Amino acid sequence: MATANDIAQLAASLAQLAERLATQRPDDVPRPLPPRVLLTVEEAGQRLGIGRTMAYSLVRSGALESVRIGRLRRISVSAINEYAARLVANSSGKAAA
């Protein structure tokens, strides 16, 4: 049988637990994800402002560098930036000519 002292200790423990839970961050709050390094071909196309078919065409031709991970095809953010920089450099050179 529980004594008055046992009940008092249990009540104190429950109060401490409730205080800890109130000050902790809830688990249901989503944590922000770090920025992705590799994107799908469709996402790369969206970043470039082109359609899915054109993005796949650029990957197929090698103009837009990509990597395979198993059956997946991914494009690094740096490859997208490099492709865009080449486009700008090529268009600047033609404008000067």
N, C-alpha and C. Protein backbone atom coordinates (compact mmCIF):
# COMPACT_ATOMS: atom_id res chain seq x y z
N MET A 1 0.83 -1.17 0.00
CA MET A 1 0.00 0.00 0.00
C MET A 1 0.88 1.24 0.00
N ALA A 2 0.51 2.25 -0.80
CA ALA A 2 1.29 3.48 -0.92
C ALA A 2 1.09 4.34 0.30
N THR A 3 2.20 4.86 0.78
CA THR A 3 2.14 5.74 1.94
C THR A 3 1.98 7.18 1.46
N ALA A 4 1.73 8.06 2.38
CA ALA A 4 1.58 9.47 2.05
C ALA A 4 2.90 10.02 1.50
N ASN A 5 4.02 9.50 2.00
CA ASN A 5 5.33 9.94 1.53
C ASN A 5 5.55 9.51 0.08
N ASP A 6 5.14 8.27 -0.28
CA ASP A 6 5.27 7.78 -1.66
C ASP A 6 4.42 8.63 -2.61
N ILE A 7 3.23 8.97 -2.20
CA ILE A 7 2.34 9.77 -3.03
C ILE A 7 2.92 11.17 -3.21
N ALA A 8 3.52 11.73 -2.18
CA ALA A 8 4.12 13.06 -2.27
C ALA A 8 5.32 13.04 -3.23
N GLN A 9 6.12 11.97 -3.15
CA GLN A 9 7.27 11.85 -4.05
C GLN A 9 6.81 11.71 -5.50
N LEU A 10 5.77 10.92 -5.71
CA LEU A 10 5.22 10.73 -7.05
C LEU A 10 4.68 12.05 -7.60
N ALA A 11 3.99 12.79 -6.78
CA ALA A 11 3.44 14.08 -7.19
C ALA A 11 4.57 15.05 -7.55
N ALA A 12 5.64 15.06 -6.75
CA ALA A 12 6.78 15.93 -7.04
C ALA A 12 7.45 15.52 -8.35
N SER A 13 7.60 14.22 -8.59
CA SER A 13 8.20 13.73 -9.83
C SER A 13 7.35 14.11 -11.03
N LEU A 14 6.05 13.98 -10.91
CA LEU A 14 5.15 14.34 -12.00
C LEU A 14 5.20 15.84 -12.28
N ALA A 15 5.32 16.64 -11.25
CA ALA A 15 5.41 18.09 -11.44
C ALA A 15 6.70 18.45 -12.17
N GLN A 16 7.81 17.78 -11.81
CA GLN A 16 9.09 18.03 -12.49
C GLN A 16 9.00 17.62 -13.96
N LEU A 17 8.38 16.48 -14.22
CA LEU A 17 8.23 16.00 -15.59
C LEU A 17 7.38 16.97 -16.41
N ALA A 18 6.30 17.44 -15.84
CA ALA A 18 5.43 18.39 -16.54
C ALA A 18 6.18 19.68 -16.86
N GLU A 19 7.02 20.13 -15.93
CA GLU A 19 7.80 21.35 -16.16
C GLU A 19 8.81 21.15 -17.29
N ARG A 20 9.47 20.00 -17.31
CA ARG A 20 10.43 19.70 -18.37
C ARG A 20 9.74 19.62 -19.73
N LEU A 21 8.60 18.96 -19.77
CA LEU A 21 7.88 18.84 -21.04
C LEU A 21 7.40 20.19 -21.53
N ALA A 22 7.04 21.08 -20.63
CA ALA A 22 6.55 22.39 -21.03
C ALA A 22 7.67 23.25 -21.62
N THR A 23 8.90 23.04 -21.19
CA THR A 23 10.00 23.85 -21.68
C THR A 23 10.70 23.25 -22.89
N GLN A 24 10.43 21.98 -23.20
CA GLN A 24 11.06 21.35 -24.36
C GLN A 24 10.33 21.71 -25.64
N ARG A 25 11.07 21.64 -26.74
CA ARG A 25 10.49 21.88 -28.06
C ARG A 25 9.64 20.67 -28.46
N PRO A 26 8.42 20.88 -28.91
CA PRO A 26 7.58 19.75 -29.31
C PRO A 26 8.16 19.02 -30.52
N ASP A 27 7.99 17.72 -30.54
CA ASP A 27 8.50 16.90 -31.64
C ASP A 27 7.72 17.10 -32.93
N ASP A 28 6.49 17.57 -32.84
CA ASP A 28 5.67 17.69 -34.04
C ASP A 28 5.99 18.96 -34.84
N VAL A 29 6.87 19.81 -34.33
CA VAL A 29 7.28 21.00 -35.08
C VAL A 29 8.33 20.57 -36.09
N PRO A 30 8.07 20.73 -37.39
CA PRO A 30 9.04 20.28 -38.38
C PRO A 30 10.32 21.10 -38.31
N ARG A 31 11.42 20.40 -38.38
CA ARG A 31 12.73 21.07 -38.39
C ARG A 31 13.05 21.46 -39.82
N PRO A 32 13.65 22.63 -40.00
CA PRO A 32 14.00 23.03 -41.37
C PRO A 32 15.08 22.10 -41.94
N LEU A 33 14.90 21.72 -43.19
CA LEU A 33 15.87 20.87 -43.85
C LEU A 33 17.00 21.72 -44.40
N PRO A 34 18.20 21.14 -44.44
CA PRO A 34 19.30 21.89 -45.06
C PRO A 34 19.05 22.00 -46.56
N PRO A 35 19.63 23.00 -47.21
CA PRO A 35 19.43 23.15 -48.65
C PRO A 35 19.91 21.90 -49.39
N ARG A 36 19.15 21.49 -50.39
CA ARG A 36 19.51 20.29 -51.14
C ARG A 36 20.65 20.60 -52.10
N VAL A 37 21.54 19.62 -52.26
CA VAL A 37 22.69 19.76 -53.14
C VAL A 37 22.38 19.19 -54.51
N LEU A 38 21.59 18.13 -54.55
CA LEU A 38 21.23 17.47 -55.81
C LEU A 38 19.74 17.61 -56.05
N LEU A 39 19.39 17.94 -57.29
CA LEU A 39 17.99 18.13 -57.66
C LEU A 39 17.61 17.15 -58.76
N THR A 40 16.31 16.91 -58.89
CA THR A 40 15.82 16.10 -60.00
C THR A 40 15.95 16.91 -61.29
N VAL A 41 15.81 16.25 -62.42
CA VAL A 41 15.88 16.95 -63.70
C VAL A 41 14.75 17.97 -63.80
N GLU A 42 13.58 17.60 -63.32
CA GLU A 42 12.44 18.52 -63.36
C GLU A 42 12.71 19.76 -62.51
N GLU A 43 13.28 19.56 -61.30
CA GLU A 43 13.58 20.69 -60.42
C GLU A 43 14.66 21.59 -61.04
N ALA A 44 15.64 20.97 -61.69
CA ALA A 44 16.69 21.75 -62.37
C ALA A 44 16.06 22.59 -63.48
N GLY A 45 15.14 21.99 -64.23
CA GLY A 45 14.44 22.73 -65.28
C GLY A 45 13.67 23.91 -64.72
N GLN A 46 13.01 23.71 -63.58
CA GLN A 46 12.27 24.80 -62.96
C GLN A 46 13.20 25.93 -62.55
N ARG A 47 14.36 25.57 -62.00
CA ARG A 47 15.33 26.60 -61.60
C ARG A 47 15.82 27.39 -62.80
N LEU A 48 15.97 26.72 -63.93
CA LEU A 48 16.44 27.38 -65.14
C LEU A 48 15.32 28.08 -65.89
N GLY A 49 14.08 27.80 -65.50
CA GLY A 49 12.94 28.40 -66.18
C GLY A 49 12.66 27.76 -67.53
N ILE A 50 12.97 26.46 -67.64
CA ILE A 50 12.72 25.72 -68.88
C ILE A 50 11.81 24.54 -68.57
N GLY A 51 11.29 23.94 -69.60
CA GLY A 51 10.40 22.80 -69.42
C GLY A 51 11.16 21.51 -69.13
N ARG A 52 10.40 20.52 -68.72
CA ARG A 52 10.94 19.21 -68.38
C ARG A 52 11.62 18.56 -69.57
N THR A 53 11.00 18.62 -70.74
CA THR A 53 11.56 17.99 -71.93
C THR A 53 12.88 18.63 -72.32
N MET A 54 12.95 19.94 -72.27
CA MET A 54 14.19 20.64 -72.58
C MET A 54 15.28 20.30 -71.56
N ALA A 55 14.92 20.20 -70.30
CA ALA A 55 15.90 19.84 -69.26
C ALA A 55 16.48 18.46 -69.53
N TYR A 56 15.61 17.49 -69.86
CA TYR A 56 16.10 16.15 -70.17
C TYR A 56 16.98 16.17 -71.42
N SER A 57 16.64 17.00 -72.40
CA SER A 57 17.44 17.11 -73.61
C SER A 57 18.84 17.64 -73.29
N LEU A 58 18.92 18.63 -72.42
CA LEU A 58 20.22 19.18 -72.03
C LEU A 58 21.06 18.15 -71.28
N VAL A 59 20.41 17.35 -70.45
CA VAL A 59 21.12 16.28 -69.73
C VAL A 59 21.62 15.24 -70.71
N ARG A 60 20.75 14.84 -71.63
CA ARG A 60 21.11 13.81 -72.63
C ARG A 60 22.30 14.26 -73.48
N SER A 61 22.33 15.53 -73.86
CA SER A 61 23.39 16.04 -74.71
C SER A 61 24.68 16.29 -73.94
N GLY A 62 24.60 16.33 -72.62
CA GLY A 62 25.77 16.60 -71.80
C GLY A 62 25.98 18.08 -71.52
N ALA A 63 25.13 18.92 -72.05
CA ALA A 63 25.26 20.36 -71.81
C ALA A 63 25.01 20.70 -70.34
N LEU A 64 24.14 19.93 -69.71
CA LEU A 64 23.85 20.08 -68.29
C LEU A 64 24.35 18.82 -67.59
N GLU A 65 25.41 18.98 -66.81
CA GLU A 65 26.06 17.84 -66.17
C GLU A 65 25.14 17.21 -65.13
N SER A 66 25.11 15.87 -65.11
CA SER A 66 24.28 15.16 -64.14
C SER A 66 25.02 13.93 -63.65
N VAL A 67 24.48 13.33 -62.60
CA VAL A 67 25.04 12.10 -62.03
C VAL A 67 23.92 11.09 -61.86
N ARG A 68 24.31 9.82 -61.87
CA ARG A 68 23.35 8.75 -61.61
C ARG A 68 23.56 8.23 -60.21
N ILE A 69 22.47 8.04 -59.51
CA ILE A 69 22.49 7.39 -58.20
C ILE A 69 21.52 6.23 -58.32
N GLY A 70 22.06 5.05 -58.56
CA GLY A 70 21.21 3.90 -58.85
C GLY A 70 20.46 4.16 -60.14
N ARG A 71 19.15 4.14 -60.08
CA ARG A 71 18.33 4.41 -61.27
C ARG A 71 17.95 5.88 -61.39
N LEU A 72 18.35 6.69 -60.42
CA LEU A 72 17.96 8.09 -60.39
C LEU A 72 18.97 8.97 -61.11
N ARG A 73 18.50 10.02 -61.72
CA ARG A 73 19.36 11.02 -62.37
C ARG A 73 19.22 12.31 -61.57
N ARG A 74 20.35 12.85 -61.12
CA ARG A 74 20.32 14.08 -60.33
C ARG A 74 21.29 15.10 -60.90
N ILE A 75 20.99 16.37 -60.66
CA ILE A 75 21.81 17.47 -61.14
C ILE A 75 22.20 18.32 -59.95
N SER A 76 23.48 18.61 -59.83
CA SER A 76 23.95 19.42 -58.70
C SER A 76 23.59 20.89 -58.94
N VAL A 77 23.41 21.60 -57.85
CA VAL A 77 23.10 23.02 -57.93
C VAL A 77 24.26 23.75 -58.62
N SER A 78 25.49 23.31 -58.34
CA SER A 78 26.63 23.97 -58.98
C SER A 78 26.63 23.75 -60.50
N ALA A 79 26.18 22.56 -60.96
CA ALA A 79 26.09 22.31 -62.41
C ALA A 79 25.06 23.23 -63.06
N ILE A 80 23.97 23.50 -62.35
CA ILE A 80 22.95 24.42 -62.88
C ILE A 80 23.53 25.82 -62.98
N ASN A 81 24.24 26.25 -61.94
CA ASN A 81 24.84 27.59 -61.94
C ASN A 81 25.90 27.71 -63.04
N GLU A 82 26.71 26.66 -63.24
CA GLU A 82 27.73 26.68 -64.28
C GLU A 82 27.09 26.76 -65.67
N TYR A 83 26.02 26.00 -65.88
CA TYR A 83 25.33 26.03 -67.18
C TYR A 83 24.78 27.43 -67.44
N ALA A 84 24.15 28.01 -66.43
CA ALA A 84 23.60 29.37 -66.60
C ALA A 84 24.71 30.37 -66.87
N ALA A 85 25.85 30.24 -66.20
CA ALA A 85 26.97 31.15 -66.43
C ALA A 85 27.50 31.01 -67.85
N ARG A 86 27.56 29.77 -68.36
CA ARG A 86 28.00 29.57 -69.75
C ARG A 86 27.03 30.22 -70.72
N LEU A 87 25.75 30.12 -70.46
CA LEU A 87 24.75 30.75 -71.33
C LEU A 87 24.95 32.26 -71.36
N VAL A 88 25.15 32.84 -70.20
CA VAL A 88 25.33 34.29 -70.12
C VAL A 88 26.61 34.70 -70.84
N ALA A 89 27.69 33.94 -70.61
CA ALA A 89 28.97 34.27 -71.24
C ALA A 89 28.87 34.15 -72.76
N ASN A 90 28.19 33.13 -73.25
CA ASN A 90 28.03 32.95 -74.70
C ASN A 90 27.17 34.04 -75.30
N SER A 91 26.12 34.44 -74.61
CA SER A 91 25.26 35.48 -75.16
C SER A 91 25.94 36.84 -75.11
N SER A 92 26.79 37.06 -74.11
CA SER A 92 27.53 38.33 -74.02
C SER A 92 28.56 38.42 -75.14
N GLY A 93 29.19 37.30 -75.44
CA GLY A 93 30.19 37.28 -76.52
C GLY A 93 29.57 37.53 -77.87
N LYS A 94 28.37 37.01 -78.10
CA LYS A 94 27.70 37.19 -79.39
C LYS A 94 27.19 38.62 -79.54
N ALA A 95 26.79 39.22 -78.44
CA ALA A 95 26.27 40.60 -78.48
C ALA A 95 27.38 41.58 -78.84
N ALA A 96 28.62 41.28 -78.41
CA ALA A 96 29.73 42.18 -78.68
C ALA A 96 30.21 42.07 -80.12
N ALA A 97 29.93 40.94 -80.77
CA ALA A 97 30.43 40.71 -82.14
C ALA A 97 29.66 41.44 -83.18
